[in-house]
Amino acid sequence: MSGGVSVEEFKQRIAQHVEHVKNVGMHCSTEETTKQALILPLLGILGFNPYDPTRVRAEYGADFPGVKVTERVDYALFTGGLPVMFIEAKSYSQDLTNHCPQLSRYYNATPEVTVAAITNGREWRFFTDLVNRNIMDREPFMTIHFDAPREDAAEQLHRFHHDQFQPDTLRALAEESIYLSAFRSTITSMLRECDLEFVKYVASRASIQRTFTSKFLESVQPLVKHAMAQSISAMVATSLSEPERRPDAPEPAEPDGNAPIVDPDNDKIVTTGDERRLYDICCDILPGEELQWRDTETYFTVTHGGRSNRWLFRFWGDRRRPTIQFIEPITDAHRAEAARAGLDIGSGGQIILDKPENLYRLAGMVRDALGYCKNDENFRRSRGARDLTESADDN
């Protein structure tokens, strides 16, 4: 920055002004006091010396077509002998809403002006003409609150410095800010609502081999919500734990799709890549069924119809030899199927499953477990005892 003011020094001055606004703002009870104590000091920081009429003119009243003779814009900022920015000032306690029509009349009558702002010293709203050229937009492209500024406030304001003021650059900044705000709002809404269109998009991107019926999308909607929460938690944890990367450092590797996922609400629940692979294989064996996976501190399970007591199987992957157990009591036919698959059966009917792909060898048992879960008669008997067992297992 020219004039001997570096970018870092500019940021320091903005930080000092933030503290100044916090300390004296409450004492600015009139518009004039607000101008003198809060607005003019910021203009000085931006390189627009309020005592230099070649850069700042107060009560600017050029012949605006359609504007009353008695109406004047509070401040006009100049570069190269032309007005480039208008500022309308209000008192510190005044709400800025509904005060823009007057400012827009000045703006629309002066084609040279790129930016207009309205401020009460603590809040600055910046406008330009993205919708219709030379017609001030109804919504600001940027708002800065000096009583609670964003981290990038100084960087944004740096573009408004007299020595950096370029109309095309500011219009690009305005367009970027509008798009960013719209995208952020849309993404936030999608993440919160997780509507079926978004669920369908995620499922298609995940290459789920299913027909995306409404029934299926509704069944996996809770899983997509849960996956989003886990992904966001993992990204936040990674960004906070990783050191800042040097500009000359190589790009980080792509995230591992098989990496464990930690439950954001319980760090003792860790879903491994093998467990998620088991779920995918189960869906492959039972296409079109309403299947969901669910993880606990003790075991991983795949359920049917969104009901935790109708679990097809439970998997314990943290043992020396991982094991799987199906909901239906094991029969001689099941033992024969496991023997043909070359899989050992342990105590209590649990089958040794050293790798997820071995579930394909037990496809018959998977289908029998689904049939068991679909039969309501299996869940009418000893309902109280079964629910008590489920509650104990979940804890």
Protein backbone atom coordinates (compact mmCIF):
# COMPACT_ATOMS: atom_id res chain seq x y z
CA MET A 1 0.00 0.00 0.00
CA SER A 2 1.34 3.43 -0.90
CA GLY A 3 2.00 6.17 1.63
CA GLY A 4 4.12 3.85 3.73
CA VAL A 5 1.15 1.88 5.17
CA SER A 6 1.61 -1.87 4.85
CA VAL A 7 -1.23 -4.37 4.74
CA GLU A 8 -0.35 -5.56 8.24
CA GLU A 9 -0.39 -2.00 9.55
CA PHE A 10 -3.76 -1.48 7.88
CA LYS A 11 -5.13 -4.56 9.65
CA GLN A 12 -3.79 -3.26 12.97
CA ARG A 13 -5.54 0.05 12.42
CA ILE A 14 -8.81 -1.71 11.67
CA ALA A 15 -8.41 -3.80 14.83
CA GLN A 16 -7.82 -0.61 16.82
CA HIS A 17 -10.90 0.98 15.25
CA VAL A 18 -12.97 -2.06 16.27
CA GLU A 19 -11.94 -1.51 19.88
CA HIS A 20 -12.61 2.23 19.51
CA VAL A 21 -16.18 1.56 18.32
CA LYS A 22 -16.78 -0.80 21.23
CA ASN A 23 -15.45 1.73 23.75
CA VAL A 24 -17.09 4.97 22.59
CA GLY A 25 -20.08 3.89 20.47
CA MET A 26 -22.55 4.01 23.32
CA HIS A 27 -21.70 7.69 23.85
CA CYS A 28 -22.61 8.67 20.27
CA SER A 29 -26.17 9.76 20.88
CA THR A 30 -26.48 12.03 17.83
CA GLU A 31 -25.75 11.68 14.15
CA GLU A 32 -23.12 14.41 14.26
CA THR A 33 -21.27 12.78 17.15
CA THR A 34 -21.39 9.46 15.30
CA LYS A 35 -19.84 11.07 12.24
CA GLN A 36 -17.04 12.75 14.20
CA ALA A 37 -16.23 9.83 16.51
CA LEU A 38 -16.79 6.75 14.34
CA ILE A 39 -17.26 7.45 10.64
CA LEU A 40 -14.57 10.04 9.87
CA PRO A 41 -11.84 8.05 11.67
CA LEU A 42 -12.59 5.03 9.48
CA LEU A 43 -12.45 7.18 6.33
CA GLY A 44 -8.99 8.26 7.43
CA ILE A 45 -7.89 4.65 7.87
CA LEU A 46 -9.18 3.94 4.36
CA GLY A 47 -6.93 6.68 2.98
CA PHE A 48 -9.76 9.17 2.44
CA ASN A 49 -8.58 12.09 4.56
CA PRO A 50 -11.82 13.80 5.67
CA TYR A 51 -9.98 17.16 5.69
CA ASP A 52 -8.88 16.83 2.06
CA PRO A 53 -11.71 18.03 -0.25
CA THR A 54 -10.05 16.30 -3.22
CA ARG A 55 -10.86 13.01 -1.50
CA VAL A 56 -13.84 13.67 0.80
CA ARG A 57 -16.67 16.16 0.43
CA ALA A 58 -19.33 16.46 3.11
CA GLU A 59 -22.94 17.38 2.32
CA TYR A 60 -22.27 16.68 -1.34
CA GLY A 61 -25.07 18.19 -3.39
CA ALA A 62 -24.23 17.93 -7.07
CA ASP A 63 -27.25 18.46 -9.26
CA PHE A 64 -28.91 15.07 -8.89
CA PRO A 65 -31.78 14.76 -11.38
CA GLY A 66 -35.03 14.03 -9.58
CA VAL A 67 -33.58 14.86 -6.15
CA LYS A 68 -34.76 17.76 -4.03
CA VAL A 69 -32.39 20.71 -3.83
CA THR A 70 -32.32 20.41 -0.06
CA GLU A 71 -31.22 16.75 -0.14
CA ARG A 72 -27.50 16.11 0.02
CA VAL A 73 -25.49 12.93 0.51
CA ASP A 74 -23.50 13.03 3.75
CA TYR A 75 -20.15 12.11 2.18
CA ALA A 76 -18.85 11.65 -1.33
CA LEU A 77 -15.46 9.97 -1.73
CA PHE A 78 -13.31 10.93 -4.71
CA THR A 79 -10.48 9.36 -6.68
CA GLY A 80 -9.03 10.96 -9.77
CA GLY A 81 -11.37 13.92 -9.43
CA LEU A 82 -14.52 11.80 -9.76
CA PRO A 83 -16.98 10.67 -7.06
CA VAL A 84 -16.66 6.89 -6.62
CA MET A 85 -18.53 6.22 -3.39
CA PHE A 86 -21.42 7.78 -1.48
CA ILE A 87 -21.95 7.39 2.27
CA GLU A 88 -25.17 8.07 4.16
CA ALA A 89 -24.66 8.48 7.93
CA LYS A 90 -27.08 7.74 10.77
CA SER A 91 -26.70 7.95 14.53
CA TYR A 92 -25.14 5.04 16.42
CA SER A 93 -28.41 3.72 17.86
CA GLN A 94 -30.43 4.05 14.66
CA ASP A 95 -31.58 1.01 12.66
CA LEU A 96 -30.33 1.18 9.08
CA THR A 97 -33.33 -0.61 7.60
CA ASN A 98 -35.63 1.50 5.41
CA HIS A 99 -33.07 4.31 5.04
CA CYS A 100 -31.73 3.18 1.66
CA PRO A 101 -34.21 4.82 -0.78
CA GLN A 102 -32.64 8.24 -0.23
CA LEU A 103 -29.16 6.84 -0.81
CA SER A 104 -30.29 5.00 -3.93
CA ARG A 105 -31.58 8.23 -5.48
CA TYR A 106 -28.11 9.78 -5.19
CA TYR A 107 -26.45 6.63 -6.49
CA ASN A 108 -28.74 6.16 -9.48
CA ALA A 109 -28.15 9.76 -10.59
CA THR A 110 -24.35 9.47 -10.59
CA PRO A 111 -22.98 6.87 -13.06
CA GLU A 112 -19.38 7.39 -11.87
CA VAL A 113 -20.20 6.09 -8.40
CA THR A 114 -19.43 2.39 -7.96
CA VAL A 115 -20.32 1.83 -4.33
CA ALA A 116 -22.75 3.30 -1.82
CA ALA A 117 -22.78 2.69 1.90
CA ILE A 118 -25.08 3.46 4.78
CA THR A 119 -23.73 3.32 8.32
CA ASN A 120 -24.40 4.10 11.94
CA GLY A 121 -20.73 3.74 12.80
CA ARG A 122 -21.00 0.21 14.15
CA GLU A 123 -22.67 -1.36 11.10
CA TRP A 124 -21.73 -0.64 7.50
CA ARG A 125 -23.88 -1.87 4.60
CA PHE A 126 -22.27 -1.70 1.16
CA PHE A 127 -24.27 -1.61 -2.09
CA THR A 128 -23.49 -1.67 -5.80
CA ASP A 129 -25.38 -2.27 -9.06
CA LEU A 130 -25.16 -5.96 -9.95
CA VAL A 131 -28.80 -6.42 -10.99
CA ASN A 132 -29.14 -3.32 -13.18
CA ARG A 133 -26.18 -1.16 -14.13
CA ASN A 134 -26.29 2.29 -12.48
CA ILE A 135 -29.32 1.25 -10.36
CA MET A 136 -28.40 0.54 -6.74
CA ASP A 137 -29.26 -2.99 -5.64
CA ARG A 138 -31.89 -3.37 -2.93
CA GLU A 139 -29.72 -5.73 -0.89
CA PRO A 140 -26.16 -5.00 0.32
CA PHE A 141 -23.40 -7.16 -1.08
CA MET A 142 -21.46 -6.87 2.14
CA THR A 143 -22.21 -5.95 5.74
CA ILE A 144 -19.56 -5.35 8.38
CA HIS A 145 -20.34 -5.12 12.09
CA PHE A 146 -17.57 -3.32 13.94
CA ASP A 147 -19.03 -4.40 17.26
CA ALA A 148 -18.65 -8.05 16.17
CA PRO A 149 -16.55 -8.16 12.98
CA ARG A 150 -15.82 -11.24 10.90
CA GLU A 151 -12.24 -12.45 10.75
CA ASP A 152 -11.85 -11.27 7.16
CA ALA A 153 -13.29 -7.78 7.76
CA ALA A 154 -9.92 -6.04 7.42
CA GLU A 155 -9.13 -7.90 4.19
CA GLN A 156 -12.49 -6.89 2.73
CA LEU A 157 -12.08 -3.25 3.75
CA HIS A 158 -8.57 -3.13 2.33
CA ARG A 159 -10.10 -3.18 -1.15
CA PHE A 160 -11.87 0.10 -0.34
CA HIS A 161 -8.64 1.92 0.47
CA HIS A 162 -8.07 5.02 -1.65
CA ASP A 163 -4.91 3.54 -3.14
CA GLN A 164 -6.63 0.22 -3.97
CA PHE A 165 -10.02 1.54 -5.07
CA GLN A 166 -10.82 -0.01 -8.45
CA PRO A 167 -14.46 -0.13 -9.63
CA ASP A 168 -14.15 -3.40 -11.55
CA THR A 169 -12.42 -5.10 -8.62
CA LEU A 170 -15.13 -3.95 -6.22
CA ARG A 171 -17.90 -5.16 -8.51
CA ALA A 172 -16.13 -8.54 -8.69
CA LEU A 173 -15.94 -8.54 -4.89
CA ALA A 174 -19.65 -7.72 -4.70
CA GLU A 175 -20.58 -10.51 -7.10
CA GLU A 176 -18.37 -12.95 -5.22
CA SER A 177 -19.94 -11.95 -1.89
CA ILE A 178 -23.50 -12.32 -3.23
CA TYR A 179 -22.78 -15.77 -4.68
CA LEU A 180 -20.94 -16.89 -1.55
CA SER A 181 -23.82 -15.81 0.67
CA ALA A 182 -26.39 -17.53 -1.56
CA PHE A 183 -24.35 -20.75 -1.74
CA ARG A 184 -23.75 -20.78 2.01
CA SER A 185 -27.45 -20.27 2.71
CA THR A 186 -28.45 -23.02 0.29
CA ILE A 187 -25.90 -25.50 1.63
CA THR A 188 -26.90 -24.78 5.22
CA SER A 189 -30.56 -25.33 4.35
CA MET A 190 -29.78 -28.58 2.53
CA LEU A 191 -27.72 -29.90 5.44
CA ARG A 192 -30.39 -29.03 7.98
CA GLU A 193 -33.41 -30.24 6.04
CA CYS A 194 -31.76 -33.12 4.16
CA ASP A 195 -34.73 -33.36 1.79
CA LEU A 196 -35.25 -36.37 -0.45
CA GLU A 197 -33.72 -34.64 -3.49
CA PHE A 198 -30.50 -34.18 -1.55
CA VAL A 199 -30.66 -37.77 -0.26
CA LYS A 200 -31.07 -38.95 -3.86
CA TYR A 201 -28.07 -36.88 -4.97
CA VAL A 202 -25.88 -38.32 -2.20
CA ALA A 203 -27.00 -41.87 -2.91
CA SER A 204 -26.31 -41.50 -6.64
CA ARG A 205 -22.86 -40.02 -5.98
CA ALA A 206 -22.17 -42.90 -3.60
CA SER A 207 -22.93 -45.38 -6.42
CA ILE A 208 -25.64 -47.15 -4.42
CA GLN A 209 -26.97 -49.91 -6.64
CA ARG A 210 -30.64 -49.46 -5.85
CA THR A 211 -33.78 -48.10 -7.44
CA PHE A 212 -34.31 -44.73 -5.82
CA THR A 213 -37.96 -45.05 -4.88
CA SER A 214 -39.47 -42.63 -2.37
CA LYS A 215 -39.74 -45.47 0.12
CA PHE A 216 -36.05 -46.27 -0.19
CA LEU A 217 -34.97 -42.62 0.00
CA GLU A 218 -37.06 -42.09 3.13
CA SER A 219 -35.51 -45.18 4.71
CA VAL A 220 -31.94 -43.95 4.19
CA GLN A 221 -32.67 -40.30 4.97
CA PRO A 222 -31.64 -40.69 8.65
CA LEU A 223 -28.41 -42.36 7.52
CA VAL A 224 -27.55 -39.46 5.20
CA LYS A 225 -28.17 -37.01 8.05
CA HIS A 226 -25.96 -39.06 10.34
CA ALA A 227 -23.24 -39.38 7.68
CA MET A 228 -23.28 -35.61 7.12
CA ALA A 229 -22.89 -34.94 10.84
CA GLN A 230 -19.97 -37.35 11.02
CA SER A 231 -18.31 -35.94 7.91
CA ILE A 232 -18.59 -32.34 9.10
CA SER A 233 -17.26 -33.33 12.51
CA ALA A 234 -14.33 -35.14 10.92
CA MET A 235 -13.49 -32.20 8.65
CA VAL A 236 -13.61 -29.74 11.54
CA ALA A 237 -11.44 -31.99 13.70
CA THR A 238 -8.94 -32.46 10.87
CA SER A 239 -8.69 -28.74 10.05
CA LEU A 240 -8.17 -27.88 13.73
CA SER A 241 -5.54 -30.55 14.32
CA GLU A 242 -3.47 -30.16 11.15
CA PRO A 243 -0.68 -27.54 11.13
CA GLU A 244 -0.83 -24.78 8.56
CA ARG A 245 0.58 -25.99 5.26
CA ARG A 246 3.50 -24.11 3.72
CA PRO A 247 2.90 -22.65 0.25
CA ASP A 248 5.64 -24.90 -1.20
CA ALA A 249 4.37 -28.03 0.53
CA PRO A 250 2.79 -30.81 -1.58
CA GLU A 251 -0.96 -31.06 -1.77
CA PRO A 252 -2.44 -33.29 0.94
CA ALA A 253 -3.52 -36.77 -0.07
CA GLU A 254 -7.14 -37.47 -0.84
CA PRO A 255 -9.10 -38.65 2.22
CA ASP A 256 -9.24 -42.41 2.70
CA GLY A 257 -12.73 -43.71 2.00
CA ASN A 258 -12.05 -46.63 4.35
CA ALA A 259 -10.96 -44.43 7.24
CA PRO A 260 -12.84 -44.89 10.53
CA ILE A 261 -15.69 -42.48 11.25
CA VAL A 262 -16.03 -41.21 14.80
CA ASP A 263 -19.52 -40.49 16.07
CA PRO A 264 -19.64 -36.72 16.84
CA ASP A 265 -21.83 -37.39 19.88
CA ASN A 266 -19.85 -40.32 21.30
CA ASP A 267 -16.17 -40.76 20.50
CA LYS A 268 -16.33 -44.35 21.75
CA ILE A 269 -18.38 -45.29 18.70
CA VAL A 270 -16.00 -45.72 15.77
CA THR A 271 -17.38 -47.14 12.52
CA THR A 272 -14.66 -48.83 10.50
CA GLY A 273 -14.34 -49.21 6.75
CA ASP A 274 -14.88 -52.99 7.10
CA GLU A 275 -18.17 -52.39 8.91
CA ARG A 276 -19.44 -50.03 6.22
CA ARG A 277 -18.33 -52.57 3.62
CA LEU A 278 -20.44 -55.22 5.39
CA TYR A 279 -23.48 -52.99 5.01
CA ASP A 280 -22.78 -52.47 1.30
CA ILE A 281 -22.46 -56.22 0.76
CA CYS A 282 -25.69 -56.84 2.66
CA CYS A 283 -27.48 -54.33 0.39
CA ASP A 284 -25.99 -56.14 -2.61
CA ILE A 285 -27.37 -59.47 -1.38
CA LEU A 286 -30.77 -57.95 -0.57
CA PRO A 287 -31.46 -55.34 -3.28
CA GLY A 288 -34.51 -53.15 -2.77
CA GLU A 289 -34.86 -53.82 0.96
CA GLU A 290 -35.13 -51.15 3.65
CA LEU A 291 -31.78 -51.67 5.33
CA GLN A 292 -29.90 -49.32 7.65
CA TRP A 293 -26.63 -49.69 9.51
CA ARG A 294 -26.23 -48.73 13.11
CA ASP A 295 -23.12 -48.70 15.28
CA THR A 296 -22.81 -48.92 19.05
CA GLU A 297 -19.90 -49.03 21.49
CA THR A 298 -20.13 -52.84 21.48
CA TYR A 299 -21.08 -54.00 17.99
CA PHE A 300 -22.06 -52.97 14.45
CA THR A 301 -25.47 -54.02 13.17
CA VAL A 302 -27.65 -53.92 10.08
CA THR A 303 -31.37 -53.45 10.72
CA HIS A 304 -34.53 -53.66 8.65
CA GLY A 305 -37.32 -51.10 8.38
CA GLY A 306 -35.69 -48.59 10.72
CA ARG A 307 -36.45 -50.74 13.79
CA SER A 308 -33.53 -51.45 16.09
CA ASN A 309 -34.94 -54.77 17.35
CA ARG A 310 -35.16 -56.18 13.82
CA TRP A 311 -31.48 -56.63 13.23
CA LEU A 312 -30.28 -59.06 10.57
CA PHE A 313 -26.88 -59.52 12.13
CA ARG A 314 -24.43 -58.08 14.61
CA PHE A 315 -20.72 -57.83 13.93
CA TRP A 316 -17.86 -57.59 16.41
CA GLY A 317 -14.84 -56.36 14.50
CA ASP A 318 -12.58 -55.42 17.40
CA ARG A 319 -11.89 -58.99 18.48
CA ARG A 320 -8.77 -60.97 17.66
CA ARG A 321 -10.90 -62.78 15.09
CA PRO A 322 -13.98 -60.78 14.02
CA THR A 323 -17.32 -62.58 14.38
CA ILE A 324 -20.87 -62.19 13.11
CA GLN A 325 -24.12 -63.42 14.59
CA PHE A 326 -27.50 -63.54 12.86
CA ILE A 327 -30.81 -62.83 14.60
CA GLU A 328 -32.32 -66.21 13.74
CA PRO A 329 -31.16 -69.12 15.90
CA ILE A 330 -28.62 -71.13 13.93
CA THR A 331 -29.93 -74.33 12.38
CA ASP A 332 -28.29 -77.44 10.99
CA ALA A 333 -28.82 -76.03 7.51
CA HIS A 334 -26.99 -72.88 8.54
CA ARG A 335 -24.12 -74.91 9.97
CA ALA A 336 -23.88 -76.77 6.70
CA GLU A 337 -23.84 -73.50 4.74
CA ALA A 338 -21.03 -72.15 6.93
CA ALA A 339 -19.10 -75.39 6.54
CA ARG A 340 -19.43 -75.27 2.74
CA ALA A 341 -18.18 -71.67 2.87
CA GLY A 342 -15.15 -72.80 4.88
CA LEU A 343 -16.09 -70.58 7.83
CA ASP A 344 -15.79 -71.66 11.44
CA ILE A 345 -18.67 -71.40 13.90
CA GLY A 346 -17.74 -70.36 17.40
CA SER A 347 -19.60 -70.53 20.67
CA GLY A 348 -23.16 -69.22 20.79
CA GLY A 349 -23.60 -69.56 17.03
CA GLN A 350 -21.19 -66.76 16.14
CA ILE A 351 -19.37 -67.22 12.84
CA ILE A 352 -15.77 -66.21 12.30
CA LEU A 353 -15.72 -63.51 9.58
CA ASP A 354 -12.13 -62.43 8.96
CA LYS A 355 -13.05 -60.14 6.04
CA PRO A 356 -16.32 -58.48 4.94
CA GLU A 357 -16.34 -60.21 1.53
CA ASN A 358 -16.94 -63.57 3.27
CA LEU A 359 -20.51 -62.40 3.92
CA TYR A 360 -21.24 -63.26 0.26
CA ARG A 361 -20.63 -66.92 1.22
CA LEU A 362 -23.42 -66.64 3.79
CA ALA A 363 -26.02 -65.14 1.43
CA GLY A 364 -28.56 -67.81 2.38
CA MET A 365 -28.26 -66.95 6.07
CA VAL A 366 -28.62 -63.23 5.25
CA ARG A 367 -31.86 -63.92 3.35
CA ASP A 368 -33.17 -66.12 6.17
CA ALA A 369 -32.41 -63.34 8.67
CA LEU A 370 -34.39 -60.89 6.53
CA GLY A 371 -37.34 -63.29 6.46
CA TYR A 372 -37.15 -63.63 10.23
CA CYS A 373 -37.20 -59.83 10.64
CA LYS A 374 -40.20 -59.45 8.34
CA ASN A 375 -42.28 -61.97 10.32
CA ASP A 376 -44.14 -60.01 12.98
CA GLU A 377 -44.89 -63.21 14.90
CA ASN A 378 -41.23 -63.45 15.85
CA PHE A 379 -41.52 -60.14 17.71
CA ARG A 380 -44.86 -60.56 19.47
CA ARG A 381 -43.57 -63.20 21.86
CA SER A 382 -41.67 -62.06 24.95
CA ARG A 383 -41.82 -58.48 23.73
CA GLY A 384 -40.94 -57.04 27.16
CA ALA A 385 -37.93 -59.27 27.63
CA ARG A 386 -36.72 -58.57 24.09
CA ASP A 387 -37.04 -54.79 24.51
CA LEU A 388 -35.16 -54.96 27.82
CA THR A 389 -32.36 -56.91 26.15
CA GLU A 390 -32.22 -54.39 23.31
CA SER A 391 -31.96 -51.50 25.75
CA ALA A 392 -29.15 -53.17 27.64
CA ASP A 393 -27.23 -53.96 24.44
CA ASP A 394 -27.54 -50.38 23.16
CA ASN A 395 -25.98 -49.06 26.36
